[in-house]
Amino acid sequence: GGGGGGGGGDETGKRAACVYFCDRFRRYRFTCPVGGLHLLKGLVAVNKVLLAENAKLFEGLPQNEVSRLKAQGYALYEEKPTLQKSHHANGAKAVGTWSDEEYALPGFQWMYLRYKSYQRFAETWALLERCAAAGLFQTGAPLCAFTGIGTTTSSLSDVAAVAVPADQGGKQSEEEGAESKPSKLRVVSLGGGPGFELLAFDWFARMEMAVPSSGASSGSCRGGESSVGESGAWRALRGARERWLSERFSDVERQVALAAGAGAAVAAGTEVPSTRGGVGPGAAVWAGPQPLLDLVSLDLQPGWRGYVEALGYSFGQWDVHSPDAASAIFGGSHLPRKVAGDGDRVFGGQQPPEETSRGQGGSGQHRQQDESAAGSAAAKAVGSELARAVGAAAKEASEESGGGGVVCMLSNILCYCSDDSTADLFTELLQPGGGARCILVNERGAEQRMVSLLERRGIVVVKLLDQVAQGRDDRQMVFLPPGSPWKAAHGTLPNLPFSREAFCEMIFPNQPYEEKKYR
């Protein structure tokens, strides 16, 4: 379900070119301008290919069995039994919406692709719009994707990659190309499922390179303040982006079909993959500079692999509490010796302190002192070993990618892993030498425990949504390295939270739902 919606009666509703819904019963109405309409058409075209991939799971089954499996998936999506059980067991604390076993079912995946695609794509796009307005895509900033020589496109994700007009700087000389050494930015969606967040990042990075946010954001105001000049700047930015998207997505269904055919040819061994790292040469050509991205979905459920690879991205099975959690993020092979479950630590080959102190006798006070000392030593061992593992994996990945760095994306997974061991992992990723430029967060709940866990460890937490009109709102955030220069002294980033003018000019306004803040 979409969870909240609106947009019919405000300024965004007045200029809406499209009404769309993220829930199956169409209870929550969202609107978007023509740029959003183009993107949603592209998403629908891509999703047809993913649903065709899903249909393969039903091949050879009698129709009544296919109907039964889809009905099972519908019931799971609608009733959310795992969520209901966790509510009853833990009061108000939910432990995930669906179980790993439920995510694996073909009927459930059929439902998920059809409905969650809109929410995950649109919310991620809105998150990136806020980041771009704050300057995080500018040269040298955490989300800057290095540019390289234009190459033949390689996947379904490349439907936006058509030639840039020469007057927009689309042509690059051979001399420039020979001198530059392209570096890839590795974007890893943790708990990324079928990859809709990656698709949004890929397309947004292309648009931001061609039509950067800097022009509108440079003269804008913060925190609900407004000006006539600001309103015009945001409107001009939206218009330029809509023109760009209109050109790129004018024939999106044909482009997607051709890209899907090229991907199938590569999979069948009758076509050679392009140098960009996707599934095949695709249909369109990116003639000018393009963002060089290595897009990866890591998820506990291996059943998402086929969909991610159909998009032209990479997939890896991943558990945040597994020994290779850090290594998988970088694509390397450096593993800590042990990572236990919630609340446990890596002990570097030692026994946990409660085991090493058993049978040693002595008074209760002495035993407590011994246990405290052992626990402190074990905690230091955890930090040092995890730091070594993360640092080694980051170094290896940096050498292979040309120093492009890593950005992590979290989308509705903190309900599964807001614990100390995950906070330790995120902290090490963001340390100097840890390899991660930042962690982008999109979550459901307005209050996330991970915020306090990371702030106690020195991580810079920036909340992108308004925190005044309706109180605390942790649904969209950026986690930055300690001492990051990208956080202003007053606790946020430039141009955030959005003023009413900027909010109304978003391509996907009201994602996630916060319309009431701007009335």
Protein backbone atom coordinates (compact mmCIF):
# COMPACT_ATOMS: atom_id res chain seq x y z
CA GLY A 1 0.00 0.00 0.00
CA GLY A 2 0.99 3.57 -0.52
CA GLY A 3 0.32 4.75 3.00
CA GLY A 4 -0.99 8.30 2.89
CA GLY A 5 -1.54 10.42 -0.13
CA GLY A 6 -3.14 13.50 -1.49
CA GLY A 7 -2.31 16.40 -3.67
CA GLY A 8 -5.71 17.04 -5.16
CA GLY A 9 -6.48 20.37 -3.54
CA ASP A 10 -3.12 22.11 -3.29
CA GLU A 11 -0.83 23.84 -5.78
CA THR A 12 0.60 20.53 -6.93
CA GLY A 13 -2.89 19.34 -7.79
CA LYS A 14 -3.61 22.45 -9.87
CA ARG A 15 -0.67 21.82 -12.21
CA ALA A 16 -1.01 18.03 -12.24
CA ALA A 17 -0.65 16.23 -15.55
CA CYS A 18 -1.10 12.82 -13.94
CA VAL A 19 -2.99 11.20 -11.08
CA TYR A 20 -1.51 7.95 -9.82
CA PHE A 21 -1.93 5.58 -6.89
CA CYS A 22 0.49 3.47 -4.90
CA ASP A 23 -2.19 1.25 -3.33
CA ARG A 24 -4.32 -1.40 -5.00
CA PHE A 25 -7.68 0.08 -3.90
CA ARG A 26 -6.80 3.60 -5.12
CA ARG A 27 -7.57 5.20 -1.78
CA TYR A 28 -4.52 7.47 -1.69
CA ARG A 29 -4.33 9.90 -4.57
CA PHE A 30 -1.02 11.38 -5.74
CA THR A 31 -0.43 13.87 -8.51
CA CYS A 32 2.60 14.87 -10.55
CA PRO A 33 3.40 17.26 -13.41
CA VAL A 34 4.23 16.13 -16.93
CA GLY A 35 7.81 15.18 -16.01
CA GLY A 36 6.48 12.65 -13.52
CA LEU A 37 4.07 11.35 -16.13
CA HIS A 38 6.97 10.63 -18.51
CA LEU A 39 8.85 8.80 -15.77
CA LEU A 40 5.83 6.74 -14.76
CA LYS A 41 5.32 5.73 -18.39
CA GLY A 42 8.92 4.57 -18.41
CA LEU A 43 8.40 2.69 -15.15
CA VAL A 44 5.30 0.95 -16.53
CA ALA A 45 7.21 -0.08 -19.66
CA VAL A 46 10.07 -1.47 -17.59
CA ASN A 47 7.67 -3.22 -15.24
CA LYS A 48 6.09 -5.06 -18.16
CA VAL A 49 9.45 -6.69 -18.76
CA LEU A 50 9.80 -7.57 -15.07
CA LEU A 51 6.31 -9.06 -15.01
CA ALA A 52 7.24 -11.13 -18.06
CA GLU A 53 10.19 -12.38 -16.00
CA ASN A 54 7.76 -13.24 -13.21
CA ALA A 55 5.49 -15.09 -15.65
CA LYS A 56 8.32 -17.56 -16.29
CA LEU A 57 7.88 -18.82 -12.73
CA PHE A 58 4.38 -20.02 -13.61
CA GLU A 59 5.31 -21.73 -16.89
CA GLY A 60 4.15 -25.33 -17.15
CA LEU A 61 1.67 -25.04 -14.30
CA PRO A 62 -2.05 -25.67 -14.83
CA GLN A 63 -4.13 -22.51 -14.86
CA ASN A 64 -5.92 -23.35 -11.62
CA GLU A 65 -2.54 -23.63 -9.85
CA VAL A 66 -1.41 -20.28 -11.31
CA SER A 67 -4.64 -18.72 -10.06
CA ARG A 68 -4.12 -20.26 -6.63
CA LEU A 69 -0.56 -18.94 -6.34
CA LYS A 70 -1.61 -15.45 -7.40
CA ALA A 71 -4.52 -15.50 -4.96
CA GLN A 72 -2.07 -16.55 -2.25
CA GLY A 73 0.19 -13.63 -3.17
CA TYR A 74 -2.74 -11.22 -3.16
CA ALA A 75 -3.83 -12.39 0.31
CA LEU A 76 -0.30 -12.04 1.72
CA TYR A 77 0.09 -8.57 0.24
CA GLU A 78 -3.31 -7.49 1.56
CA GLU A 79 -3.39 -9.14 5.00
CA LYS A 80 0.32 -8.90 5.93
CA PRO A 81 0.23 -11.79 8.45
CA THR A 82 3.90 -11.38 9.47
CA LEU A 83 3.34 -7.72 10.28
CA GLN A 84 0.18 -8.54 12.22
CA LYS A 85 1.97 -11.22 14.26
CA SER A 86 4.86 -8.91 15.10
CA HIS A 87 2.43 -6.21 16.23
CA HIS A 88 0.71 -8.64 18.58
CA ALA A 89 4.00 -9.99 19.90
CA ASN A 90 5.79 -6.67 20.37
CA GLY A 91 3.05 -4.15 20.94
CA ALA A 92 3.65 -1.19 18.67
CA LYS A 93 7.03 -2.44 17.47
CA ALA A 94 6.80 -4.07 14.04
CA VAL A 95 9.51 -6.44 12.79
CA GLY A 96 9.07 -6.22 9.04
CA THR A 97 6.03 -6.31 6.78
CA TRP A 98 6.61 -9.71 5.17
CA SER A 99 8.88 -12.65 5.92
CA ASP A 100 11.70 -13.88 3.68
CA GLU A 101 9.61 -16.97 2.87
CA GLU A 102 6.72 -14.77 1.75
CA TYR A 103 8.98 -12.63 -0.44
CA ALA A 104 10.11 -15.83 -2.22
CA LEU A 105 6.63 -16.80 -3.45
CA PRO A 106 6.02 -16.12 -7.17
CA GLY A 107 2.45 -15.00 -6.50
CA PHE A 108 3.64 -12.49 -3.93
CA GLN A 109 6.34 -11.17 -6.28
CA TRP A 110 3.63 -10.75 -8.92
CA MET A 111 1.74 -8.47 -6.52
CA TYR A 112 4.82 -6.66 -5.27
CA LEU A 113 6.04 -5.71 -8.75
CA ARG A 114 2.65 -4.34 -9.72
CA TYR A 115 2.10 -2.10 -6.70
CA LYS A 116 5.31 -1.44 -4.77
CA SER A 117 7.05 -0.29 -7.95
CA TYR A 118 5.23 3.06 -7.91
CA GLN A 119 5.93 3.81 -4.26
CA ARG A 120 9.57 2.76 -4.24
CA PHE A 121 10.41 4.55 -7.49
CA ALA A 122 8.58 7.79 -6.68
CA GLU A 123 9.81 8.06 -3.08
CA THR A 124 13.40 7.43 -4.14
CA TRP A 125 13.14 10.04 -6.89
CA ALA A 126 11.80 12.59 -4.38
CA LEU A 127 14.65 11.74 -1.99
CA LEU A 128 17.13 12.42 -4.77
CA GLU A 129 15.41 15.67 -5.71
CA ARG A 130 15.97 16.89 -2.15
CA CYS A 131 19.60 15.73 -2.17
CA ALA A 132 20.24 17.48 -5.48
CA ALA A 133 18.70 20.74 -4.28
CA ALA A 134 21.10 20.58 -1.31
CA GLY A 135 24.09 20.28 -3.63
CA LEU A 136 24.92 16.63 -3.01
CA PHE A 137 25.21 15.87 -6.75
CA GLN A 138 27.65 18.72 -7.47
CA THR A 139 31.28 18.07 -8.35
CA GLY A 140 33.13 16.76 -5.33
CA ALA A 141 29.92 16.14 -3.38
CA PRO A 142 28.96 12.68 -2.05
CA LEU A 143 26.54 11.80 -4.88
CA CYS A 144 28.60 13.09 -7.79
CA ALA A 145 28.89 10.37 -10.42
CA PHE A 146 32.14 10.73 -12.36
CA THR A 147 31.77 11.22 -16.09
CA GLY A 148 33.38 9.38 -18.92
CA ILE A 149 33.23 8.87 -22.67
CA GLY A 150 29.81 8.16 -24.08
CA THR A 151 29.25 4.46 -24.74
CA THR A 152 26.56 2.32 -26.24
CA THR A 153 23.81 1.81 -23.70
CA SER A 154 23.47 -1.52 -22.06
CA SER A 155 20.17 -2.27 -20.37
CA LEU A 156 16.56 -1.41 -19.72
CA SER A 157 17.83 1.37 -17.48
CA ASP A 158 19.37 3.06 -20.51
CA VAL A 159 16.08 4.15 -22.09
CA ALA A 160 16.87 7.68 -20.84
CA ALA A 161 20.31 7.65 -22.46
CA VAL A 162 19.76 9.29 -25.84
CA ALA A 163 22.10 11.76 -27.47
CA VAL A 164 22.66 15.10 -25.75
CA PRO A 165 22.46 18.05 -28.18
CA ALA A 166 25.83 19.57 -29.02
CA ASP A 167 24.79 22.94 -27.57
CA GLN A 168 24.40 21.21 -24.20
CA GLY A 169 27.97 19.99 -24.21
CA GLY A 170 27.09 16.55 -25.45
CA LYS A 171 30.20 16.07 -27.59
CA GLN A 172 33.51 15.06 -26.08
CA SER A 173 36.78 15.09 -27.95
CA GLU A 174 38.92 12.01 -28.35
CA GLU A 175 41.78 13.87 -26.66
CA GLU A 176 39.63 14.52 -23.59
CA GLY A 177 38.61 10.90 -23.51
CA ALA A 178 42.17 9.67 -23.84
CA GLU A 179 43.37 11.79 -20.93
CA SER A 180 40.59 10.94 -18.52
CA LYS A 181 40.37 7.72 -16.57
CA PRO A 182 36.70 7.01 -15.84
CA SER A 183 35.79 6.15 -12.25
CA LYS A 184 32.57 4.40 -11.33
CA LEU A 185 30.37 5.34 -8.42
CA ARG A 186 29.10 2.12 -6.85
CA VAL A 187 25.50 2.56 -5.70
CA VAL A 188 24.35 -0.28 -3.46
CA SER A 189 20.71 -0.68 -2.48
CA LEU A 190 20.68 -2.63 0.80
CA GLY A 191 17.56 -4.75 1.00
CA GLY A 192 16.99 -3.48 -2.53
CA GLY A 193 14.66 -6.22 -3.75
CA PRO A 194 13.89 -6.04 -7.48
CA GLY A 195 15.80 -2.78 -7.96
CA PHE A 196 13.32 0.09 -8.34
CA GLU A 197 15.50 2.37 -6.18
CA LEU A 198 18.44 1.71 -8.49
CA LEU A 199 16.35 2.50 -11.55
CA ALA A 200 15.36 5.83 -9.99
CA PHE A 201 18.98 6.66 -9.13
CA ASP A 202 20.18 5.76 -12.63
CA TRP A 203 17.61 7.89 -14.41
CA PHE A 204 17.89 10.75 -11.92
CA ALA A 205 21.69 10.90 -12.25
CA ARG A 206 21.34 11.21 -16.03
CA MET A 207 18.80 14.03 -15.66
CA GLU A 208 20.84 15.85 -13.00
CA MET A 209 23.91 15.76 -15.24
CA ALA A 210 21.98 17.30 -18.15
CA VAL A 211 19.77 19.70 -16.15
CA PRO A 212 21.47 20.35 -12.81
CA SER A 213 19.61 21.65 -9.77
CA SER A 214 22.28 24.24 -8.96
CA GLY A 215 20.60 27.01 -10.92
CA ALA A 216 17.37 26.93 -8.94
CA SER A 217 18.85 26.04 -5.58
CA SER A 218 21.57 28.70 -5.57
CA GLY A 219 19.12 31.54 -5.01
CA SER A 220 16.48 29.79 -2.94
CA CYS A 221 15.52 30.21 0.66
CA ARG A 222 15.29 27.64 3.41
CA GLY A 223 12.80 26.34 5.88
CA GLY A 224 9.51 27.53 4.43
CA GLU A 225 10.69 31.05 3.53
CA SER A 226 9.82 32.14 0.04
CA SER A 227 10.40 34.82 -2.57
CA VAL A 228 9.14 35.65 -6.02
CA GLY A 229 12.59 34.92 -7.44
CA GLU A 230 12.73 31.53 -5.78
CA SER A 231 9.34 30.50 -7.11
CA GLY A 232 10.37 31.40 -10.65
CA ALA A 233 13.69 29.56 -10.34
CA TRP A 234 12.09 26.32 -9.21
CA ARG A 235 9.43 26.63 -11.93
CA ALA A 236 12.12 27.16 -14.57
CA LEU A 237 14.03 24.11 -13.34
CA ARG A 238 10.91 21.96 -13.50
CA GLY A 239 10.20 23.18 -17.04
CA ALA A 240 13.74 22.42 -18.24
CA ARG A 241 13.60 18.96 -16.74
CA GLU A 242 10.21 18.25 -18.25
CA ARG A 243 11.51 19.16 -21.71
CA TRP A 244 14.52 16.90 -21.20
CA LEU A 245 12.38 13.99 -20.00
CA SER A 246 9.90 14.50 -22.85
CA GLU A 247 12.71 14.10 -25.39
CA ARG A 248 14.14 11.01 -23.72
CA PHE A 249 10.88 9.19 -23.02
CA SER A 250 8.92 10.05 -26.15
CA ASP A 251 9.27 6.49 -27.46
CA VAL A 252 9.95 4.70 -24.21
CA GLU A 253 8.02 1.48 -24.85
CA ARG A 254 9.91 0.76 -28.06
CA GLN A 255 13.23 1.61 -26.42
CA VAL A 256 12.51 -0.68 -23.50
CA ALA A 257 11.47 -3.52 -25.80
CA LEU A 258 14.68 -3.18 -27.82
CA ALA A 259 16.80 -3.02 -24.68
CA ALA A 260 15.05 -6.10 -23.31
CA GLY A 261 15.77 -7.95 -26.55
CA ALA A 262 19.42 -6.96 -26.39
CA GLY A 263 19.59 -8.18 -22.81
CA ALA A 264 18.06 -11.50 -23.78
CA ALA A 265 20.62 -11.85 -26.58
CA VAL A 266 23.46 -11.35 -24.12
CA ALA A 267 21.94 -13.88 -21.72
CA ALA A 268 21.64 -16.37 -24.56
CA GLY A 269 25.26 -15.83 -25.55
CA THR A 270 24.48 -14.39 -28.98
CA GLU A 271 25.47 -10.82 -28.11
CA VAL A 272 28.54 -9.36 -26.44
CA PRO A 273 27.87 -7.19 -23.34
CA SER A 274 28.76 -3.52 -23.61
CA THR A 275 31.61 -1.97 -21.69
CA ARG A 276 29.23 -0.24 -19.29
CA GLY A 277 28.62 -3.47 -17.43
CA GLY A 278 24.95 -4.04 -18.21
CA VAL A 279 23.19 -6.89 -19.95
CA GLY A 280 23.63 -5.77 -23.55
CA PRO A 281 24.05 -2.87 -25.95
CA GLY A 282 20.43 -1.75 -25.67
CA ALA A 283 18.64 0.53 -28.10
CA ALA A 284 19.73 4.11 -27.53
CA VAL A 285 23.12 5.80 -27.57
CA TRP A 286 24.42 8.20 -24.95
CA ALA A 287 26.58 10.41 -27.14
CA GLY A 288 27.95 12.74 -24.46
CA PRO A 289 29.20 12.47 -20.90
CA GLN A 290 27.21 10.06 -18.79
CA PRO A 291 27.21 9.11 -15.14
CA LEU A 292 29.37 6.03 -14.66
CA LEU A 293 27.51 3.88 -12.19
CA ASP A 294 27.87 0.38 -10.83
CA LEU A 295 24.35 -0.36 -9.57
CA VAL A 296 23.85 -3.26 -7.18
CA SER A 297 20.92 -4.67 -5.23
CA LEU A 298 21.79 -6.70 -2.12
CA ASP A 299 18.91 -8.58 -0.54
CA LEU A 300 18.31 -11.53 1.75
CA GLN A 301 15.83 -13.02 -0.73
CA PRO A 302 17.61 -14.52 -3.78
CA GLY A 303 14.35 -14.65 -5.71
CA TRP A 304 14.79 -11.01 -6.74
CA ARG A 305 17.89 -11.76 -8.80
CA GLY A 306 16.15 -12.27 -12.15
CA TYR A 307 14.36 -8.93 -11.97
CA VAL A 308 17.48 -6.97 -11.01
CA GLU A 309 19.50 -8.54 -13.79
CA ALA A 310 16.68 -7.84 -16.27
CA LEU A 311 17.19 -4.17 -15.41
CA GLY A 312 20.86 -4.54 -16.29
CA TYR A 313 22.10 -4.24 -12.71
CA SER A 314 23.92 -6.64 -10.39
CA PHE A 315 22.44 -8.69 -7.55
CA GLY A 316 23.88 -10.39 -4.50
CA GLN A 317 22.25 -12.32 -1.68
CA TRP A 318 23.02 -10.39 1.50
CA ASP A 319 22.32 -10.44 5.21
CA VAL A 320 23.23 -7.38 7.28
CA HIS A 321 24.31 -9.68 10.14
CA SER A 322 26.40 -12.05 8.04
CA PRO A 323 30.22 -12.26 8.12
CA ASP A 324 30.56 -10.80 4.63
CA ALA A 325 28.12 -7.92 5.08
CA ALA A 326 30.78 -5.26 4.56
CA SER A 327 32.63 -7.12 1.84
CA ALA A 328 29.52 -7.63 -0.25
CA ILE A 329 28.78 -3.91 -0.20
CA PHE A 330 32.13 -3.26 -1.89
CA GLY A 331 32.10 -6.42 -3.99
CA GLY A 332 35.29 -7.67 -2.33
CA SER A 333 36.35 -10.77 -0.44
CA HIS A 334 37.55 -9.49 2.95
CA LEU A 335 35.54 -11.04 5.78
CA PRO A 336 35.50 -10.53 9.54
CA ARG A 337 35.77 -13.86 11.36
CA LYS A 338 32.31 -13.81 12.88
CA VAL A 339 29.22 -11.64 12.90
CA ALA A 340 26.46 -12.79 15.21
CA GLY A 341 22.85 -11.75 15.42
CA ASP A 342 21.06 -8.79 16.97
CA GLY A 343 23.03 -7.31 19.86
CA ASP A 344 26.05 -9.61 19.41
CA ARG A 345 29.52 -8.70 18.17
CA VAL A 346 32.49 -9.97 16.24
CA PHE A 347 34.88 -11.43 18.79
CA GLY A 348 37.86 -12.03 16.54
CA GLY A 349 38.23 -15.68 17.48
CA GLN A 350 37.82 -15.08 21.22
CA GLN A 351 34.96 -16.51 23.21
CA PRO A 352 32.30 -14.02 24.32
CA PRO A 353 33.08 -12.52 27.73
CA GLU A 354 30.26 -14.38 29.52
CA GLU A 355 31.88 -17.66 28.50
CA THR A 356 35.49 -16.74 29.31
CA SER A 357 34.54 -15.78 32.87
CA ARG A 358 32.68 -18.98 33.74
CA GLY A 359 34.10 -21.27 36.42
CA GLN A 360 36.68 -18.77 37.56
CA GLY A 361 35.19 -18.40 41.05
CA GLY A 362 35.66 -15.29 43.18
CA SER A 363 33.10 -12.89 44.57
CA GLY A 364 30.17 -11.59 42.59
CA GLN A 365 31.71 -8.11 42.55
CA HIS A 366 35.00 -9.42 41.18
CA ARG A 367 33.18 -11.49 38.58
CA GLN A 368 31.24 -8.39 37.48
CA GLN A 369 34.49 -6.41 37.21
CA ASP A 370 36.10 -9.22 35.21
CA GLU A 371 33.07 -9.44 32.93
CA SER A 372 33.05 -5.66 32.43
CA ALA A 373 36.76 -5.64 31.53
CA ALA A 374 36.34 -8.63 29.21
CA GLY A 375 33.33 -7.01 27.60
CA SER A 376 35.26 -3.80 27.00
CA ALA A 377 38.16 -5.71 25.48
CA ALA A 378 35.77 -7.70 23.30
CA ALA A 379 34.06 -4.52 22.13
CA LYS A 380 37.45 -3.09 21.12
CA ALA A 381 38.24 -6.32 19.29
CA VAL A 382 34.91 -6.03 17.49
CA GLY A 383 35.61 -2.48 16.39
CA SER A 384 39.15 -3.14 15.25
CA GLU A 385 38.33 -6.29 13.32
CA LEU A 386 35.26 -4.79 11.70
CA ALA A 387 37.27 -1.67 10.84
CA ARG A 388 40.01 -3.81 9.26
CA ALA A 389 37.47 -5.78 7.25
CA VAL A 390 35.66 -2.69 6.01
CA GLY A 391 38.92 -0.86 5.24
CA ALA A 392 40.36 -3.79 3.30
CA ALA A 393 37.18 -4.28 1.27
CA ALA A 394 36.95 -0.54 0.57
CA LYS A 395 40.58 -0.38 -0.58
CA GLU A 396 40.11 -3.34 -2.92
CA ALA A 397 36.93 -1.88 -4.36
CA SER A 398 38.54 1.55 -4.81
CA GLU A 399 41.42 0.06 -6.78
CA GLU A 400 39.06 -1.87 -9.05
CA SER A 401 36.65 1.03 -9.68
CA GLY A 402 39.23 3.76 -10.13
CA GLY A 403 38.42 5.37 -6.79
CA GLY A 404 34.76 6.07 -7.50
CA GLY A 405 33.53 5.36 -3.99
CA VAL A 406 30.33 3.83 -2.68
CA VAL A 407 26.88 5.19 -1.86
CA CYS A 408 24.48 2.99 0.10
CA MET A 409 20.71 3.25 -0.10
CA LEU A 410 18.28 2.02 2.56
CA SER A 411 14.62 1.67 1.69
CA ASN A 412 12.33 0.46 4.46
CA ILE A 413 14.79 -1.99 6.03
CA LEU A 414 15.61 -0.37 9.38
CA CYS A 415 12.64 -2.15 10.97
CA TYR A 416 14.67 -5.35 10.46
CA CYS A 417 18.04 -4.12 11.70
CA SER A 418 18.02 -1.10 14.03
CA ASP A 419 20.51 -2.74 16.37
CA ASP A 420 24.02 -2.05 17.61
CA SER A 421 25.74 -4.42 15.20
CA THR A 422 24.15 -2.68 12.20
CA ALA A 423 25.01 0.73 13.64
CA ASP A 424 28.62 -0.47 14.01
CA LEU A 425 28.66 -1.56 10.37
CA PHE A 426 27.25 1.75 9.11
CA THR A 427 29.70 3.67 11.31
CA GLU A 428 32.71 1.80 9.91
CA LEU A 429 31.48 2.28 6.36
CA LEU A 430 31.38 6.04 6.92
CA GLN A 431 34.73 6.38 8.68
CA PRO A 432 37.74 7.85 6.81
CA GLY A 433 38.95 4.97 4.68
CA GLY A 434 35.66 3.17 5.13
CA GLY A 435 34.78 3.67 1.47
CA ALA A 436 31.20 4.95 1.75
CA ARG A 437 30.52 8.54 0.77
CA CYS A 438 27.09 8.57 2.39
CA ILE A 439 24.02 6.46 3.16
CA LEU A 440 20.64 7.56 1.77
CA VAL A 441 17.62 6.61 3.83
CA ASN A 442 13.94 6.28 2.92
CA GLU A 443 11.79 4.75 5.66
CA ARG A 444 8.16 4.47 6.76
CA GLY A 445 8.28 5.48 10.43
CA ALA A 446 8.63 9.09 11.60
CA GLU A 447 10.99 8.05 14.40
CA GLN A 448 13.94 5.79 13.65
CA ARG A 449 16.03 4.31 16.48
CA MET A 450 19.05 4.18 14.17
CA VAL A 451 19.34 7.99 14.40
CA SER A 452 20.38 7.97 18.05
CA LEU A 453 22.59 4.90 17.59
CA LEU A 454 24.59 6.62 14.85
CA GLU A 455 24.72 10.05 16.42
CA ARG A 456 26.24 8.49 19.56
CA ARG A 457 28.94 7.06 17.28
CA GLY A 458 29.72 10.46 15.74
CA ILE A 459 27.91 9.98 12.42
CA VAL A 460 26.34 13.10 10.93
CA VAL A 461 22.58 12.59 10.48
CA VAL A 462 20.77 15.05 8.21
CA LYS A 463 16.97 14.96 8.07
CA LEU A 464 15.63 16.08 4.71
CA LEU A 465 11.98 16.68 5.64
CA ASP A 466 10.46 19.51 7.67
CA GLN A 467 10.80 18.91 11.43
CA VAL A 468 8.65 21.81 12.68
CA ALA A 469 5.17 21.76 11.15
CA GLN A 470 4.25 18.29 12.45
CA GLY A 471 7.21 17.39 14.66
CA ARG A 472 9.97 14.87 14.19
CA ASP A 473 10.11 13.20 10.78
CA ASP A 474 12.90 10.68 10.08
CA ARG A 475 11.41 9.23 6.89
CA GLN A 476 14.07 10.67 4.56
CA MET A 477 17.63 11.23 5.75
CA VAL A 478 21.28 11.21 4.75
CA PHE A 479 23.98 9.66 6.96
CA LEU A 480 27.34 11.40 6.40
CA PRO A 481 30.86 10.75 7.69
CA PRO A 482 31.95 12.32 10.99
CA GLY A 483 32.83 15.98 10.53
CA SER A 484 31.31 16.09 7.06
CA PRO A 485 31.54 19.55 5.45
CA TRP A 486 28.23 18.92 3.73
CA LYS A 487 26.25 19.70 6.86
CA ALA A 488 25.68 23.36 7.71
CA ALA A 489 26.36 24.64 11.21
CA HIS A 490 22.66 24.97 11.98
CA GLY A 491 22.04 21.25 11.51
CA THR A 492 20.80 20.79 7.95
CA LEU A 493 21.86 21.21 4.33
CA PRO A 494 21.35 24.19 2.03
CA ASN A 495 17.78 24.66 0.74
CA LEU A 496 16.34 22.07 3.12
CA PRO A 497 13.71 21.51 4.20
CA PHE A 498 11.97 22.57 1.01
CA SER A 499 10.03 25.81 0.97
CA ARG A 500 6.44 25.62 -0.24
CA GLU A 501 7.55 26.83 -3.68
CA ALA A 502 10.18 24.12 -4.05
CA PHE A 503 7.79 21.46 -2.71
CA CYS A 504 5.13 22.37 -5.27
CA GLU A 505 7.60 22.26 -8.17
CA MET A 506 8.91 18.74 -7.44
CA ILE A 507 8.53 16.09 -10.12
CA PHE A 508 7.03 13.81 -7.48
CA PRO A 509 5.60 16.18 -4.85
CA ASN A 510 4.17 14.78 -1.64
CA GLN A 511 6.45 11.73 -1.66
CA PRO A 512 6.46 10.70 1.08
CA TYR A 513 3.19 12.21 2.25
CA GLU A 514 3.69 15.60 3.92
CA GLU A 515 1.11 17.75 2.15
CA LYS A 516 -0.37 19.04 5.41
CA LYS A 517 2.96 20.67 6.32
CA TYR A 518 2.65 23.07 3.38
CA ARG A 519 -0.95 24.21 3.69
